[in-house]
Amino acid sequence: MIHALARLWGTLLLLLSTAAQAKDGDRRAFVISDFRLENGSVLPRATVMYATWGTLNASHDNVVLLPSHYMADARGYNWLIGPGKALDPARHFLVATELFGNGKSSSPSNTPAPFDGPRFPVTAIRDNVEATHRLLTAELGVKHLAAVIGFSMGGQQAFQWAVSHPDFMDRIVVTAATAKTWPHGIVRLESQIIAIQTDPVFAAGEYKVQPKQGLEAFGAIWAGWLFSQAWWREELWKARYPAATDFKTVFEGFHRNFIPGGDANDIILQMRTWEQHDVGTTPGYGGDVKKALAAIRVPVLYMPSETDLYFPVDDARYEAQFIPHVTLLPIPSKWGHTAGAASNPADAKFLNEQIGAFLNAPR
């Protein structure tokens, strides 16, 4: 039972909806030689994995960027892609990118010395944005985007695009994310990192086999934050996971194998990327998040989940007051953080309707 549930948790991590999936796009690698990171480190060969759907039109004005979320690949937005959904490949050219550290783009687990394992430098959200900017302009010939749409760490990237490249897109959509990781979020992420690192097998990142006990402790902590208290109390997991017959089975699924096949150094790197993000530290803003948010020129659809414990709705309300052209629209859901990626049919309907209307509205 637990092995079967582990596969379900892996599916949950990608946050694919129960509706019909979009066909996987043409997945490729974009390589940047001598890629200098914000911290000064230089990756001799930085790889960004990406996928595309649809066709670039003659005027090149139908491009939508979908930057990936935590430990996800390009399939993480299938809930938004397809006929009758907000993004239709018959009308849009969709580009979905994968974050550094996800195990497929350049990561601790797939990079040779001297940046292998724990020596892989921490990559910032801005590093991911810069690499994607090069992908779009140099590889795909894209000079402007109709929109950037991001969930979770993808939402962090969407905010950063609007600050770093304010005229490169017409609008952005952010679901279940904030423009800065506020201190309580850092506490959560640090607790999960510590859980992995305290496993003796971890050996300061030089492990020979995956630190199983540390990863299990990480999964147990993560489970307490992913959904809302109401989700657990009302046993909403029964609607999605009929194989999970009781609370113990559900918890064990998270605890024992939350990220099937995940590498500990990769998992930690993406948490470091997450916790360090702050649009206020963009060059030119002197660490002032209010000033950076006030500089956003494009319309923003800001959709926090009402029950998100990762990116609380109150943090979103605080940030929204500084964004000039913002529509703050909380997702009315008990599904916690996962509501931002349509983890159930009601949220999928709400997100597709609202995002679709926002994309089609005149500027």
Foldseek 3Di string as FASTA:
>chain_A
DLVVLLVVLQVVVLLDAPPDFDPWFDKDKDWDAQQAAPVGDTARIWIKIKGKAADQDPVSEQEEEEEDAALYAQRSQRLQEDPPFLHYSPRHIYMYIYDCLSVPTPHLPPGDPPCHWPNPDQHALVSVLVVVVCCCCVPVVHQAYQEYEYAASSLLNRLLCLLVPVGRYQEYEYEAYDVAQDPVLLVLLVVLLVLLVPQVQCVSRPHPDRSQRSQLVSLLSVVVQQFFPVCVVVVVVCVVCVVQPDDVSVSSSSRRNSNPPDHSRSNSSSSSNNNGGHSCPDPPNVSDNLVSQLSRDHAYEYEYECGARNCHVVNVVVSVVSHDRYDYHYQDDRGYSSLRSNSYPVSSVVVRVVSSVVSPDDD
